């Protein structure tokens, strides 16, 4: 399977239209379009270990005020996307509330559709 520019573009669209939008607006339907149901989320936040199942993450999003509703700034930035056959990694930055997340998102292409299968994140000082 040969990777074309359309794979990177498709991943960019998932990130912009579902991932960043879903986080910013607290839109679970958008986030569900971005994630595979078995996704794990691991890393560190404010120096503490972070480990959640996708259901735990969705529950947290559902029960928090969205960045949009809070009136606080939000920025999602794609740093890079590397794709090979049916797998890819996107490096992104998400700034929201008092957090500056640096993330590595693993993607897999299922039935011509790219979805996040693993999320690693670290809250970094700028």
N, C-alpha and C. Protein backbone atom coordinates (compact mmCIF):
# COMPACT_ATOMS: atom_id res chain seq x y z
N UNK A 1 0.85 -1.17 0.00
CA UNK A 1 0.00 0.00 0.00
C UNK A 1 0.89 1.24 0.00
N UNK A 2 0.72 2.10 -0.92
CA UNK A 2 1.53 3.30 -1.04
C UNK A 2 0.84 4.46 -0.32
N UNK A 3 1.61 5.23 0.43
CA UNK A 3 1.08 6.39 1.13
C UNK A 3 1.09 7.57 0.18
N UNK A 4 -0.01 8.26 0.12
CA UNK A 4 -0.10 9.45 -0.72
C UNK A 4 -0.33 10.66 0.16
N UNK A 5 -0.22 11.82 -0.43
CA UNK A 5 -0.46 13.06 0.30
C UNK A 5 -1.86 13.05 0.89
N UNK A 6 -2.80 12.35 0.24
CA UNK A 6 -4.16 12.33 0.75
C UNK A 6 -4.25 11.68 2.13
N UNK A 7 -3.34 10.77 2.48
CA UNK A 7 -3.34 10.18 3.82
C UNK A 7 -3.04 11.26 4.87
N UNK A 8 -2.01 12.05 4.64
CA UNK A 8 -1.68 13.13 5.57
C UNK A 8 -2.82 14.15 5.63
N UNK A 9 -3.39 14.44 4.49
CA UNK A 9 -4.53 15.38 4.46
C UNK A 9 -5.72 14.82 5.22
N UNK A 10 -5.98 13.53 5.07
CA UNK A 10 -7.10 12.90 5.77
C UNK A 10 -6.89 12.94 7.28
N UNK A 11 -5.66 12.68 7.71
CA UNK A 11 -5.34 12.74 9.14
C UNK A 11 -5.47 14.18 9.64
N UNK A 12 -5.00 15.13 8.86
CA UNK A 12 -5.16 16.55 9.23
C UNK A 12 -6.62 16.91 9.40
N UNK A 13 -7.47 16.40 8.52
CA UNK A 13 -8.90 16.68 8.62
C UNK A 13 -9.50 16.07 9.88
N UNK A 14 -9.08 14.85 10.24
CA UNK A 14 -9.55 14.24 11.49
C UNK A 14 -9.14 15.11 12.67
N UNK A 15 -7.89 15.56 12.66
CA UNK A 15 -7.41 16.39 13.76
C UNK A 15 -8.16 17.71 13.84
N UNK A 16 -8.32 18.39 12.73
CA UNK A 16 -8.96 19.72 12.73
C UNK A 16 -10.47 19.64 12.94
N UNK A 17 -11.14 18.73 12.23
CA UNK A 17 -12.60 18.71 12.22
C UNK A 17 -13.23 17.92 13.36
N UNK A 18 -12.48 17.00 13.95
CA UNK A 18 -13.05 16.16 15.01
C UNK A 18 -12.27 16.28 16.33
N UNK A 19 -10.96 16.11 16.26
CA UNK A 19 -10.16 16.07 17.49
C UNK A 19 -10.11 17.45 18.16
N UNK A 20 -9.54 18.44 17.49
CA UNK A 20 -9.43 19.77 18.09
C UNK A 20 -10.81 20.37 18.36
N UNK A 21 -11.72 20.23 17.41
CA UNK A 21 -13.09 20.75 17.57
C UNK A 21 -13.76 20.10 18.77
N UNK A 22 -13.64 18.79 18.88
CA UNK A 22 -14.26 18.06 19.98
C UNK A 22 -13.72 18.48 21.33
N UNK A 23 -12.41 18.66 21.43
CA UNK A 23 -11.82 19.11 22.69
C UNK A 23 -12.29 20.52 23.02
N UNK A 24 -12.20 21.42 22.06
CA UNK A 24 -12.55 22.82 22.27
C UNK A 24 -14.02 23.00 22.66
N UNK A 25 -14.91 22.31 21.97
CA UNK A 25 -16.34 22.48 22.20
C UNK A 25 -16.91 21.48 23.22
N UNK A 26 -16.11 20.50 23.64
CA UNK A 26 -16.64 19.45 24.51
C UNK A 26 -17.64 18.58 23.77
N UNK A 27 -17.43 18.41 22.47
CA UNK A 27 -18.35 17.69 21.59
C UNK A 27 -17.96 16.21 21.52
N UNK A 28 -18.67 15.39 22.30
CA UNK A 28 -18.35 13.96 22.34
C UNK A 28 -18.58 13.28 21.00
N UNK A 29 -19.59 13.71 20.24
CA UNK A 29 -19.83 13.10 18.94
C UNK A 29 -18.66 13.33 18.00
N UNK A 30 -18.08 14.52 18.03
CA UNK A 30 -16.91 14.80 17.20
C UNK A 30 -15.73 13.94 17.66
N UNK A 31 -15.51 13.88 18.98
CA UNK A 31 -14.39 13.08 19.50
C UNK A 31 -14.55 11.60 19.16
N UNK A 32 -15.77 11.10 19.19
CA UNK A 32 -15.99 9.69 18.86
C UNK A 32 -15.66 9.39 17.41
N UNK A 33 -15.74 10.38 16.54
CA UNK A 33 -15.33 10.21 15.14
C UNK A 33 -13.81 10.10 15.01
N UNK A 34 -13.08 10.69 15.96
CA UNK A 34 -11.62 10.71 15.89
C UNK A 34 -10.97 9.47 16.49
N UNK A 35 -11.63 8.84 17.44
CA UNK A 35 -11.02 7.75 18.21
C UNK A 35 -11.56 6.37 17.84
N UNK A 36 -10.69 5.38 17.92
CA UNK A 36 -11.10 3.98 17.89
C UNK A 36 -11.58 3.65 19.31
N UNK A 37 -12.64 2.83 19.46
CA UNK A 37 -13.18 2.56 20.80
C UNK A 37 -12.19 1.97 21.80
N UNK A 38 -11.15 1.31 21.37
CA UNK A 38 -10.19 0.69 22.29
C UNK A 38 -9.01 1.56 22.67
N UNK A 39 -9.04 2.83 22.32
CA UNK A 39 -7.91 3.72 22.55
C UNK A 39 -7.58 3.88 24.03
N UNK A 40 -6.29 3.88 24.35
CA UNK A 40 -5.81 4.18 25.70
C UNK A 40 -5.12 5.54 25.65
N UNK A 41 -5.20 6.28 26.76
CA UNK A 41 -4.59 7.60 26.87
C UNK A 41 -3.61 7.55 28.04
N UNK A 42 -2.33 7.79 27.77
CA UNK A 42 -1.31 7.67 28.81
C UNK A 42 -0.34 8.83 28.74
N UNK A 43 0.27 9.14 29.86
CA UNK A 43 1.29 10.19 29.90
C UNK A 43 1.42 10.77 31.28
N UNK A 44 1.64 12.08 31.33
CA UNK A 44 1.75 12.78 32.60
C UNK A 44 1.13 14.17 32.48
N UNK A 45 0.48 14.60 33.56
CA UNK A 45 -0.14 15.91 33.62
C UNK A 45 0.28 16.57 34.93
N UNK A 46 0.92 17.72 34.81
CA UNK A 46 1.45 18.45 35.97
C UNK A 46 2.36 17.55 36.80
N UNK A 47 3.14 16.71 36.11
CA UNK A 47 4.11 15.84 36.77
C UNK A 47 3.54 14.57 37.35
N UNK A 48 2.24 14.34 37.22
CA UNK A 48 1.62 13.13 37.77
C UNK A 48 1.24 12.17 36.64
N UNK A 49 1.34 10.87 36.90
CA UNK A 49 0.98 9.89 35.88
C UNK A 49 -0.48 10.06 35.44
N UNK A 50 -0.71 9.84 34.16
CA UNK A 50 -2.04 9.95 33.57
C UNK A 50 -2.30 8.68 32.79
N UNK A 51 -3.40 8.00 33.13
CA UNK A 51 -3.77 6.77 32.44
C UNK A 51 -5.28 6.68 32.44
N UNK A 52 -5.89 6.69 31.26
CA UNK A 52 -7.34 6.61 31.16
C UNK A 52 -7.74 5.72 29.99
N UNK A 53 -8.85 5.05 30.19
CA UNK A 53 -9.49 4.39 29.06
C UNK A 53 -10.23 5.48 28.28
N UNK A 54 -10.65 5.16 27.09
CA UNK A 54 -11.39 6.14 26.30
C UNK A 54 -12.71 6.52 26.99
N UNK A 55 -13.38 5.54 27.58
CA UNK A 55 -14.64 5.84 28.29
C UNK A 55 -14.40 6.79 29.47
N UNK A 56 -13.31 6.60 30.21
CA UNK A 56 -12.99 7.51 31.31
C UNK A 56 -12.71 8.92 30.79
N UNK A 57 -12.00 9.00 29.67
CA UNK A 57 -11.71 10.30 29.07
C UNK A 57 -13.00 10.99 28.61
N UNK A 58 -13.86 10.25 27.92
CA UNK A 58 -15.14 10.83 27.47
C UNK A 58 -15.98 11.31 28.65
N UNK A 59 -15.97 10.55 29.73
CA UNK A 59 -16.73 10.94 30.92
C UNK A 59 -16.18 12.25 31.49
N UNK A 60 -14.85 12.39 31.50
CA UNK A 60 -14.24 13.63 32.00
C UNK A 60 -14.61 14.81 31.10
N UNK A 61 -14.58 14.62 29.79
CA UNK A 61 -14.95 15.68 28.85
C UNK A 61 -16.41 16.07 29.05
N UNK A 62 -17.25 15.08 29.22
CA UNK A 62 -18.69 15.32 29.39
C UNK A 62 -18.97 16.13 30.65
N UNK A 63 -18.17 15.92 31.70
CA UNK A 63 -18.43 16.54 33.00
C UNK A 63 -17.59 17.78 33.30
N UNK A 64 -16.88 18.28 32.31
CA UNK A 64 -16.12 19.52 32.51
C UNK A 64 -16.69 20.62 31.62
N UNK A 65 -16.41 21.85 32.00
CA UNK A 65 -16.80 22.96 31.14
C UNK A 65 -15.82 23.00 29.98
N UNK A 66 -16.35 23.10 28.77
CA UNK A 66 -15.49 23.12 27.59
C UNK A 66 -14.68 24.41 27.56
N UNK A 67 -13.52 24.38 26.91
CA UNK A 67 -12.76 25.62 26.75
C UNK A 67 -13.60 26.70 26.06
N UNK A 68 -14.43 26.31 25.09
CA UNK A 68 -15.28 27.28 24.39
C UNK A 68 -16.23 27.96 25.36
N UNK A 69 -16.92 27.16 26.19
CA UNK A 69 -17.89 27.72 27.14
C UNK A 69 -17.23 28.50 28.27
N UNK A 70 -15.96 28.19 28.56
CA UNK A 70 -15.25 28.90 29.63
C UNK A 70 -14.79 30.28 29.19
N UNK A 71 -14.71 30.48 27.86
CA UNK A 71 -14.21 31.75 27.35
C UNK A 71 -12.70 31.85 27.38
N UNK A 72 -12.05 30.75 27.78
CA UNK A 72 -10.58 30.76 27.84
C UNK A 72 -10.01 30.38 26.47
N UNK A 73 -8.78 30.76 26.28
CA UNK A 73 -8.15 30.50 24.98
C UNK A 73 -7.92 29.01 24.77
N UNK A 74 -7.86 28.64 23.50
CA UNK A 74 -7.61 27.27 23.09
C UNK A 74 -6.83 27.32 21.80
N UNK A 75 -5.82 26.46 21.70
CA UNK A 75 -5.09 26.36 20.44
C UNK A 75 -4.68 24.91 20.22
N UNK A 76 -5.04 24.38 19.05
CA UNK A 76 -4.59 23.07 18.63
C UNK A 76 -3.69 23.24 17.43
N UNK A 77 -2.53 22.64 17.47
CA UNK A 77 -1.54 22.81 16.40
C UNK A 77 -0.98 21.45 15.98
N UNK A 78 -0.97 21.21 14.69
CA UNK A 78 -0.35 20.00 14.15
C UNK A 78 1.13 20.31 13.92
N UNK A 79 2.00 19.57 14.58
CA UNK A 79 3.44 19.75 14.41
C UNK A 79 3.93 18.92 13.23
N UNK A 80 3.51 17.66 13.18
CA UNK A 80 3.93 16.79 12.08
C UNK A 80 3.01 15.58 11.98
N UNK A 81 3.02 14.99 10.79
CA UNK A 81 2.30 13.75 10.54
C UNK A 81 3.21 12.86 9.72
N UNK A 82 3.41 11.64 10.19
CA UNK A 82 4.19 10.66 9.45
C UNK A 82 3.31 9.44 9.24
N UNK A 83 3.10 9.06 7.97
CA UNK A 83 2.24 7.92 7.65
C UNK A 83 3.02 6.90 6.85
N UNK A 84 2.71 5.63 7.10
CA UNK A 84 3.31 4.53 6.37
C UNK A 84 2.27 3.42 6.26
N UNK A 85 1.88 3.12 5.05
CA UNK A 85 0.85 2.11 4.81
C UNK A 85 -0.40 2.44 5.63
N UNK A 86 -0.78 1.58 6.57
CA UNK A 86 -2.02 1.79 7.32
C UNK A 86 -1.80 2.38 8.71
N UNK A 87 -0.56 2.81 9.00
CA UNK A 87 -0.28 3.38 10.32
C UNK A 87 0.27 4.79 10.17
N UNK A 88 0.11 5.57 11.23
CA UNK A 88 0.62 6.94 11.21
C UNK A 88 0.79 7.44 12.63
N UNK A 89 1.63 8.47 12.76
CA UNK A 89 1.81 9.16 14.03
C UNK A 89 1.69 10.65 13.76
N UNK A 90 0.88 11.32 14.58
CA UNK A 90 0.77 12.77 14.50
C UNK A 90 1.31 13.35 15.80
N UNK A 91 2.15 14.35 15.67
CA UNK A 91 2.63 15.10 16.82
C UNK A 91 1.84 16.40 16.84
N UNK A 92 1.17 16.66 17.97
CA UNK A 92 0.34 17.85 18.07
C UNK A 92 0.59 18.57 19.40
N UNK A 93 0.19 19.82 19.43
CA UNK A 93 0.22 20.61 20.67
C UNK A 93 -1.19 21.12 20.92
N UNK A 94 -1.61 21.03 22.18
CA UNK A 94 -2.92 21.53 22.58
C UNK A 94 -2.73 22.42 23.79
N UNK A 95 -3.11 23.69 23.64
CA UNK A 95 -3.04 24.63 24.75
C UNK A 95 -4.46 24.95 25.17
N UNK A 96 -4.78 24.61 26.44
CA UNK A 96 -6.11 24.89 26.97
C UNK A 96 -6.02 25.03 28.48
N UNK A 97 -6.86 25.90 29.03
CA UNK A 97 -6.82 26.20 30.46
C UNK A 97 -5.38 26.52 30.84
N UNK A 98 -4.86 25.86 31.88
CA UNK A 98 -3.47 26.10 32.30
C UNK A 98 -2.55 24.97 31.84
N UNK A 99 -2.94 24.29 30.78
CA UNK A 99 -2.18 23.14 30.30
C UNK A 99 -1.59 23.42 28.92
N UNK A 100 -0.40 22.90 28.72
CA UNK A 100 0.27 22.93 27.42
C UNK A 100 0.64 21.48 27.11
N UNK A 101 -0.25 20.81 26.42
CA UNK A 101 -0.04 19.40 26.12
C UNK A 101 0.77 19.23 24.84
N UNK A 102 1.75 18.37 24.94
CA UNK A 102 2.50 17.90 23.77
C UNK A 102 2.09 16.45 23.61
N UNK A 103 1.56 16.10 22.45
CA UNK A 103 0.95 14.80 22.28
C UNK A 103 1.51 14.06 21.06
N UNK A 104 1.54 12.75 21.19
CA UNK A 104 1.83 11.86 20.08
C UNK A 104 0.62 10.95 19.92
N UNK A 105 -0.04 11.06 18.78
CA UNK A 105 -1.26 10.31 18.51
C UNK A 105 -0.97 9.25 17.45
N UNK A 106 -1.19 8.00 17.81
CA UNK A 106 -1.03 6.91 16.84
C UNK A 106 -2.35 6.71 16.11
N UNK A 107 -2.27 6.60 14.80
CA UNK A 107 -3.44 6.39 13.95
C UNK A 107 -3.35 5.05 13.25
N UNK A 108 -4.49 4.51 12.93
CA UNK A 108 -4.58 3.34 12.07
C UNK A 108 -5.70 3.58 11.07
N UNK A 109 -5.50 3.09 9.86
CA UNK A 109 -6.51 3.26 8.82
C UNK A 109 -7.38 2.01 8.75
N UNK A 110 -8.65 2.17 9.13
CA UNK A 110 -9.63 1.10 9.08
C UNK A 110 -10.64 1.43 7.99
N UNK A 111 -10.81 0.55 7.03
CA UNK A 111 -11.81 0.76 5.97
C UNK A 111 -11.73 2.16 5.37
N UNK A 112 -10.53 2.58 5.01
CA UNK A 112 -10.27 3.88 4.37
C UNK A 112 -10.51 5.07 5.30
N UNK A 113 -10.57 4.83 6.61
CA UNK A 113 -10.82 5.91 7.57
C UNK A 113 -9.74 5.90 8.65
N UNK A 114 -9.07 7.03 8.84
CA UNK A 114 -8.03 7.15 9.84
C UNK A 114 -8.65 7.47 11.21
N UNK A 115 -8.24 6.71 12.25
CA UNK A 115 -8.70 6.96 13.61
C UNK A 115 -7.54 6.84 14.59
N UNK A 116 -7.64 7.56 15.70
CA UNK A 116 -6.63 7.49 16.76
C UNK A 116 -6.79 6.17 17.50
N UNK A 117 -5.67 5.45 17.66
CA UNK A 117 -5.69 4.18 18.39
C UNK A 117 -4.89 4.24 19.69
N UNK A 118 -4.10 5.30 19.86
CA UNK A 118 -3.33 5.49 21.09
C UNK A 118 -2.99 6.97 21.23
N UNK A 119 -3.08 7.46 22.46
CA UNK A 119 -2.73 8.86 22.72
C UNK A 119 -1.74 8.91 23.86
N UNK A 120 -0.58 9.51 23.59
CA UNK A 120 0.42 9.75 24.64
C UNK A 120 0.54 11.27 24.77
N UNK A 121 0.54 11.75 26.02
CA UNK A 121 0.57 13.19 26.23
C UNK A 121 1.43 13.53 27.42
N UNK A 122 1.97 14.74 27.36
CA UNK A 122 2.72 15.28 28.48
C UNK A 122 2.41 16.76 28.58
N UNK A 123 2.14 17.20 29.80
CA UNK A 123 1.91 18.61 30.06
C UNK A 123 3.28 19.26 30.25
N UNK A 124 3.63 20.17 29.37
CA UNK A 124 4.99 20.75 29.39
C UNK A 124 4.94 22.22 29.79
N UNK A 125 6.04 22.69 30.37
CA UNK A 125 6.18 24.10 30.68
C UNK A 125 6.70 24.82 29.44
N UNK A 126 6.13 25.97 29.17
CA UNK A 126 6.61 26.76 28.02
C UNK A 126 7.57 27.83 28.46
